[in-house]
Amino acid sequence: MLITLQEDGVLYVYDSAEDAVRDIDASEAEDIFQAVFDDRGQGYTLRRKRWRRLFGLFGNGHAVGVELAPRGSEDRAALLRTIASARTIAPRGAVRRVGHLVDRLAKGAG
């Protein structure tokens, strides 16, 4: 599970980092994602993807998309603060999953 706090104050829950960036316009991604964590508290950072050059001939090396990559160490307290700061959770069906996650993190369970 990947949890993103986005610029609209909504906590969006995704199954993977790939799902999180799939519907986001790459040029706006840095403004949209305010905080990104997985369910262990591992933070993620936004990284620009670049074209690969084929035999040094094709591709210009310009950014063509974004990806989310793990950064730093796990920070469960930061994840809990991020969840607490959200206005609401989307999709609506994820509310229960986030509630279970908060309970688990608050108890210190992995």
N, C-alpha and C. Protein backbone atom coordinates (compact mmCIF):
# COMPACT_ATOMS: atom_id res chain seq x y z
N MET A 1 0.85 -1.17 0.00
CA MET A 1 0.00 0.00 0.00
C MET A 1 0.89 1.23 0.00
N LEU A 2 0.54 2.19 -0.83
CA LEU A 2 1.27 3.46 -0.91
C LEU A 2 0.28 4.57 -0.57
N ILE A 3 0.70 5.46 0.30
CA ILE A 3 -0.15 6.54 0.80
C ILE A 3 0.44 7.86 0.36
N THR A 4 -0.37 8.68 -0.30
CA THR A 4 0.11 9.99 -0.74
C THR A 4 -0.80 11.08 -0.21
N LEU A 5 -0.21 12.08 0.40
CA LEU A 5 -0.96 13.29 0.74
C LEU A 5 -0.76 14.23 -0.42
N GLN A 6 -1.86 14.63 -1.04
CA GLN A 6 -1.74 15.46 -2.23
C GLN A 6 -2.16 16.89 -1.94
N GLU A 7 -1.88 17.77 -2.89
CA GLU A 7 -2.05 19.20 -2.69
C GLU A 7 -3.48 19.60 -2.34
N ASP A 8 -4.44 18.75 -2.61
CA ASP A 8 -5.83 19.07 -2.25
C ASP A 8 -6.16 18.66 -0.82
N GLY A 9 -5.16 18.16 -0.07
CA GLY A 9 -5.37 17.76 1.32
C GLY A 9 -5.98 16.38 1.48
N VAL A 10 -6.13 15.67 0.37
CA VAL A 10 -6.71 14.34 0.40
C VAL A 10 -5.59 13.30 0.48
N LEU A 11 -5.80 12.30 1.33
CA LEU A 11 -4.89 11.18 1.45
C LEU A 11 -5.36 10.12 0.46
N TYR A 12 -4.58 9.90 -0.59
CA TYR A 12 -4.92 8.91 -1.60
C TYR A 12 -4.16 7.62 -1.32
N VAL A 13 -4.85 6.50 -1.42
CA VAL A 13 -4.25 5.20 -1.16
C VAL A 13 -4.17 4.43 -2.47
N TYR A 14 -2.98 3.92 -2.75
CA TYR A 14 -2.72 3.16 -3.98
C TYR A 14 -2.13 1.81 -3.62
N ASP A 15 -2.19 0.88 -4.56
CA ASP A 15 -1.59 -0.43 -4.35
C ASP A 15 -0.08 -0.41 -4.56
N SER A 16 0.42 0.53 -5.39
CA SER A 16 1.85 0.58 -5.70
C SER A 16 2.26 2.00 -6.09
N ALA A 17 3.57 2.21 -6.13
CA ALA A 17 4.11 3.50 -6.57
C ALA A 17 3.76 3.75 -8.04
N GLU A 18 3.77 2.70 -8.83
CA GLU A 18 3.42 2.84 -10.25
C GLU A 18 1.98 3.32 -10.42
N ASP A 19 1.08 2.78 -9.59
CA ASP A 19 -0.32 3.22 -9.64
C ASP A 19 -0.44 4.69 -9.28
N ALA A 20 0.36 5.14 -8.32
CA ALA A 20 0.27 6.52 -7.85
C ALA A 20 0.65 7.53 -8.93
N VAL A 21 1.63 7.20 -9.75
CA VAL A 21 2.07 8.16 -10.77
C VAL A 21 1.37 7.98 -12.12
N ARG A 22 0.64 6.91 -12.27
CA ARG A 22 0.01 6.59 -13.56
C ARG A 22 -0.92 7.70 -14.05
N ASP A 23 -1.73 8.25 -13.17
CA ASP A 23 -2.72 9.24 -13.59
C ASP A 23 -2.31 10.69 -13.31
N ILE A 24 -1.07 10.89 -12.91
CA ILE A 24 -0.59 12.23 -12.59
C ILE A 24 0.20 12.77 -13.78
N ASP A 25 -0.07 13.98 -14.17
CA ASP A 25 0.70 14.63 -15.23
C ASP A 25 2.11 14.87 -14.70
N ALA A 26 3.11 14.39 -15.41
CA ALA A 26 4.50 14.48 -14.95
C ALA A 26 4.93 15.91 -14.65
N SER A 27 4.44 16.87 -15.41
CA SER A 27 4.86 18.25 -15.21
C SER A 27 4.28 18.85 -13.93
N GLU A 28 3.22 18.24 -13.38
CA GLU A 28 2.58 18.76 -12.17
C GLU A 28 2.86 17.91 -10.94
N ALA A 29 3.55 16.79 -11.11
CA ALA A 29 3.73 15.82 -10.03
C ALA A 29 4.39 16.42 -8.79
N GLU A 30 5.39 17.28 -8.98
CA GLU A 30 6.08 17.86 -7.83
C GLU A 30 5.16 18.74 -7.00
N ASP A 31 4.18 19.37 -7.63
CA ASP A 31 3.23 20.19 -6.90
C ASP A 31 2.12 19.35 -6.26
N ILE A 32 1.80 18.22 -6.87
CA ILE A 32 0.68 17.40 -6.41
C ILE A 32 1.05 16.60 -5.17
N PHE A 33 2.17 15.88 -5.19
CA PHE A 33 2.55 15.02 -4.07
C PHE A 33 3.19 15.85 -2.96
N GLN A 34 2.52 15.95 -1.83
CA GLN A 34 3.06 16.67 -0.67
C GLN A 34 3.87 15.74 0.23
N ALA A 35 3.41 14.48 0.36
CA ALA A 35 4.11 13.47 1.16
C ALA A 35 3.72 12.11 0.61
N VAL A 36 4.69 11.19 0.57
CA VAL A 36 4.44 9.85 0.06
C VAL A 36 5.14 8.85 0.97
N PHE A 37 4.37 7.84 1.42
CA PHE A 37 4.89 6.78 2.30
C PHE A 37 4.29 5.45 1.91
N ASP A 38 5.02 4.37 2.22
CA ASP A 38 4.38 3.07 2.14
C ASP A 38 3.84 2.73 3.53
N ASP A 39 3.24 1.57 3.68
CA ASP A 39 2.58 1.24 4.95
C ASP A 39 3.54 0.86 6.07
N ARG A 40 4.85 0.89 5.81
CA ARG A 40 5.85 0.68 6.87
C ARG A 40 6.43 2.00 7.35
N GLY A 41 6.08 3.11 6.65
CA GLY A 41 6.64 4.40 7.00
C GLY A 41 7.83 4.79 6.15
N GLN A 42 8.12 3.99 5.13
CA GLN A 42 9.21 4.32 4.19
C GLN A 42 8.77 5.50 3.35
N GLY A 43 9.54 6.58 3.38
CA GLY A 43 9.23 7.74 2.57
C GLY A 43 9.67 7.53 1.13
N TYR A 44 9.02 8.24 0.22
CA TYR A 44 9.35 8.16 -1.20
C TYR A 44 9.59 9.56 -1.73
N THR A 45 10.42 9.64 -2.73
CA THR A 45 10.71 10.91 -3.39
C THR A 45 10.40 10.77 -4.88
N LEU A 46 10.10 11.88 -5.48
CA LEU A 46 9.79 11.92 -6.91
C LEU A 46 11.08 12.03 -7.71
N ARG A 47 11.18 11.23 -8.74
CA ARG A 47 12.37 11.24 -9.58
C ARG A 47 11.93 11.29 -11.04
N ARG A 48 12.61 12.10 -11.82
CA ARG A 48 12.32 12.20 -13.25
C ARG A 48 12.90 11.00 -13.98
N LYS A 49 12.12 10.41 -14.86
CA LYS A 49 12.60 9.33 -15.72
C LYS A 49 13.11 9.95 -17.01
N ARG A 50 14.12 9.36 -17.58
CA ARG A 50 14.72 9.89 -18.81
C ARG A 50 14.71 8.83 -19.90
N TRP A 51 14.71 9.32 -21.13
CA TRP A 51 14.83 8.41 -22.27
C TRP A 51 16.14 7.67 -22.18
N ARG A 52 16.14 6.46 -22.61
CA ARG A 52 17.40 5.72 -22.74
C ARG A 52 17.90 5.91 -24.17
N ARG A 53 19.16 6.03 -24.31
CA ARG A 53 19.72 6.16 -25.66
C ARG A 53 19.98 4.75 -26.21
N LEU A 54 19.57 4.54 -27.42
CA LEU A 54 19.76 3.25 -28.07
C LEU A 54 21.04 3.32 -28.89
N PHE A 55 22.05 2.59 -28.48
CA PHE A 55 23.35 2.58 -29.16
C PHE A 55 23.93 3.98 -29.28
N GLY A 56 23.57 4.85 -28.35
CA GLY A 56 24.10 6.20 -28.38
C GLY A 56 23.53 7.07 -29.49
N LEU A 57 22.55 6.57 -30.23
CA LEU A 57 22.03 7.31 -31.38
C LEU A 57 20.65 7.90 -31.18
N PHE A 58 19.78 7.15 -30.53
CA PHE A 58 18.39 7.58 -30.42
C PHE A 58 18.06 8.00 -29.00
N GLY A 59 17.17 8.96 -28.89
CA GLY A 59 16.78 9.46 -27.57
C GLY A 59 17.56 10.70 -27.24
N ASN A 60 16.90 11.64 -26.60
CA ASN A 60 17.56 12.91 -26.34
C ASN A 60 17.89 13.13 -24.87
N GLY A 61 17.53 12.20 -24.00
CA GLY A 61 17.86 12.33 -22.59
C GLY A 61 16.98 13.29 -21.82
N HIS A 62 15.93 13.84 -22.44
CA HIS A 62 15.03 14.74 -21.72
C HIS A 62 14.08 13.95 -20.83
N ALA A 63 13.61 14.58 -19.76
CA ALA A 63 12.67 13.92 -18.86
C ALA A 63 11.39 13.59 -19.60
N VAL A 64 10.89 12.38 -19.37
CA VAL A 64 9.68 11.94 -20.06
C VAL A 64 8.61 11.47 -19.10
N GLY A 65 8.88 11.47 -17.84
CA GLY A 65 7.91 10.99 -16.86
C GLY A 65 8.50 11.06 -15.47
N VAL A 66 7.76 10.54 -14.53
CA VAL A 66 8.22 10.53 -13.15
C VAL A 66 8.02 9.15 -12.56
N GLU A 67 8.77 8.89 -11.51
CA GLU A 67 8.61 7.68 -10.73
C GLU A 67 8.83 8.01 -9.27
N LEU A 68 8.30 7.19 -8.40
CA LEU A 68 8.51 7.36 -6.97
C LEU A 68 9.54 6.34 -6.52
N ALA A 69 10.55 6.81 -5.80
CA ALA A 69 11.63 5.94 -5.34
C ALA A 69 11.79 6.09 -3.83
N PRO A 70 12.09 4.99 -3.13
CA PRO A 70 12.30 5.07 -1.68
C PRO A 70 13.43 6.03 -1.35
N ARG A 71 13.28 6.72 -0.20
CA ARG A 71 14.33 7.62 0.27
C ARG A 71 14.45 7.51 1.79
N GLY A 72 15.65 7.60 2.27
CA GLY A 72 15.89 7.59 3.71
C GLY A 72 15.43 6.31 4.38
N SER A 73 15.23 6.42 5.68
CA SER A 73 14.80 5.26 6.46
C SER A 73 13.32 5.40 6.81
N GLU A 74 12.76 4.34 7.36
CA GLU A 74 11.36 4.36 7.74
C GLU A 74 11.12 5.39 8.84
N ASP A 75 10.00 6.08 8.76
CA ASP A 75 9.63 7.09 9.75
C ASP A 75 8.13 6.97 10.02
N ARG A 76 7.79 6.05 10.92
CA ARG A 76 6.38 5.79 11.23
C ARG A 76 5.68 7.01 11.81
N ALA A 77 6.40 7.78 12.62
CA ALA A 77 5.80 8.98 13.21
C ALA A 77 5.41 9.99 12.12
N ALA A 78 6.26 10.15 11.12
CA ALA A 78 5.94 11.06 10.01
C ALA A 78 4.74 10.55 9.22
N LEU A 79 4.65 9.24 9.03
CA LEU A 79 3.49 8.68 8.35
C LEU A 79 2.22 8.95 9.15
N LEU A 80 2.26 8.75 10.45
CA LEU A 80 1.09 9.01 11.29
C LEU A 80 0.70 10.49 11.25
N ARG A 81 1.67 11.40 11.26
CA ARG A 81 1.37 12.83 11.16
C ARG A 81 0.74 13.16 9.81
N THR A 82 1.23 12.52 8.76
CA THR A 82 0.67 12.75 7.42
C THR A 82 -0.77 12.29 7.36
N ILE A 83 -1.05 11.12 7.90
CA ILE A 83 -2.43 10.61 7.91
C ILE A 83 -3.32 11.55 8.70
N ALA A 84 -2.85 12.00 9.86
CA ALA A 84 -3.65 12.88 10.72
C ALA A 84 -3.93 14.22 10.07
N SER A 85 -3.06 14.68 9.18
CA SER A 85 -3.24 15.99 8.58
C SER A 85 -4.19 15.99 7.37
N ALA A 86 -4.59 14.81 6.93
CA ALA A 86 -5.46 14.72 5.74
C ALA A 86 -6.88 15.19 6.04
N ARG A 87 -7.48 15.84 5.04
CA ARG A 87 -8.89 16.26 5.14
C ARG A 87 -9.82 15.06 5.02
N THR A 88 -9.47 14.14 4.13
CA THR A 88 -10.27 12.95 3.88
C THR A 88 -9.39 11.90 3.21
N ILE A 89 -9.96 10.72 2.99
CA ILE A 89 -9.22 9.61 2.39
C ILE A 89 -9.94 9.16 1.12
N ALA A 90 -9.15 8.88 0.08
CA ALA A 90 -9.72 8.38 -1.17
C ALA A 90 -8.86 7.21 -1.66
N PRO A 91 -9.45 6.22 -2.25
CA PRO A 91 -10.88 6.05 -2.44
C PRO A 91 -11.56 5.75 -1.11
N ARG A 92 -12.83 5.97 -1.08
CA ARG A 92 -13.62 5.81 0.15
C ARG A 92 -13.42 4.43 0.77
N GLY A 93 -13.25 3.42 -0.08
CA GLY A 93 -13.05 2.06 0.41
C GLY A 93 -11.75 1.85 1.17
N ALA A 94 -10.83 2.80 1.10
CA ALA A 94 -9.54 2.67 1.76
C ALA A 94 -9.56 3.17 3.20
N VAL A 95 -10.65 3.77 3.63
CA VAL A 95 -10.72 4.33 4.98
C VAL A 95 -10.45 3.25 6.03
N ARG A 96 -11.04 2.11 5.84
CA ARG A 96 -10.86 1.02 6.81
C ARG A 96 -9.41 0.53 6.82
N ARG A 97 -8.81 0.42 5.64
CA ARG A 97 -7.40 -0.01 5.56
C ARG A 97 -6.49 0.97 6.29
N VAL A 98 -6.73 2.26 6.10
CA VAL A 98 -5.92 3.28 6.76
C VAL A 98 -6.14 3.22 8.28
N GLY A 99 -7.36 3.01 8.70
CA GLY A 99 -7.65 2.87 10.13
C GLY A 99 -6.90 1.72 10.76
N HIS A 100 -6.87 0.58 10.09
CA HIS A 100 -6.11 -0.57 10.58
C HIS A 100 -4.61 -0.26 10.62
N LEU A 101 -4.15 0.46 9.62
CA LEU A 101 -2.73 0.84 9.57
C LEU A 101 -2.39 1.75 10.75
N VAL A 102 -3.23 2.73 11.02
CA VAL A 102 -2.98 3.64 12.15
C VAL A 102 -2.95 2.86 13.46
N ASP A 103 -3.88 1.95 13.65
CA ASP A 103 -3.89 1.12 14.86
C ASP A 103 -2.59 0.32 14.99
N ARG A 104 -2.18 -0.28 13.89
CA ARG A 104 -0.96 -1.10 13.91
C ARG A 104 0.26 -0.24 14.21
N LEU A 105 0.37 0.91 13.58
CA LEU A 105 1.53 1.79 13.80
C LEU A 105 1.53 2.36 15.21
N ALA A 106 0.36 2.71 15.71
CA ALA A 106 0.27 3.29 17.06
C ALA A 106 0.68 2.27 18.13
N LYS A 107 0.44 1.00 17.86
CA LYS A 107 0.81 -0.06 18.79
C LYS A 107 2.27 -0.44 18.65
N GLY A 108 2.94 0.10 17.62
CA GLY A 108 4.34 -0.19 17.40
C GLY A 108 4.59 -1.50 16.69
N ALA A 109 3.53 -2.11 16.17
CA ALA A 109 3.68 -3.37 15.43
C ALA A 109 4.19 -3.08 14.03
N GLY A 110 4.95 -4.01 13.47
CA GLY A 110 5.48 -3.84 12.12
C GLY A 110 4.47 -4.14 11.11
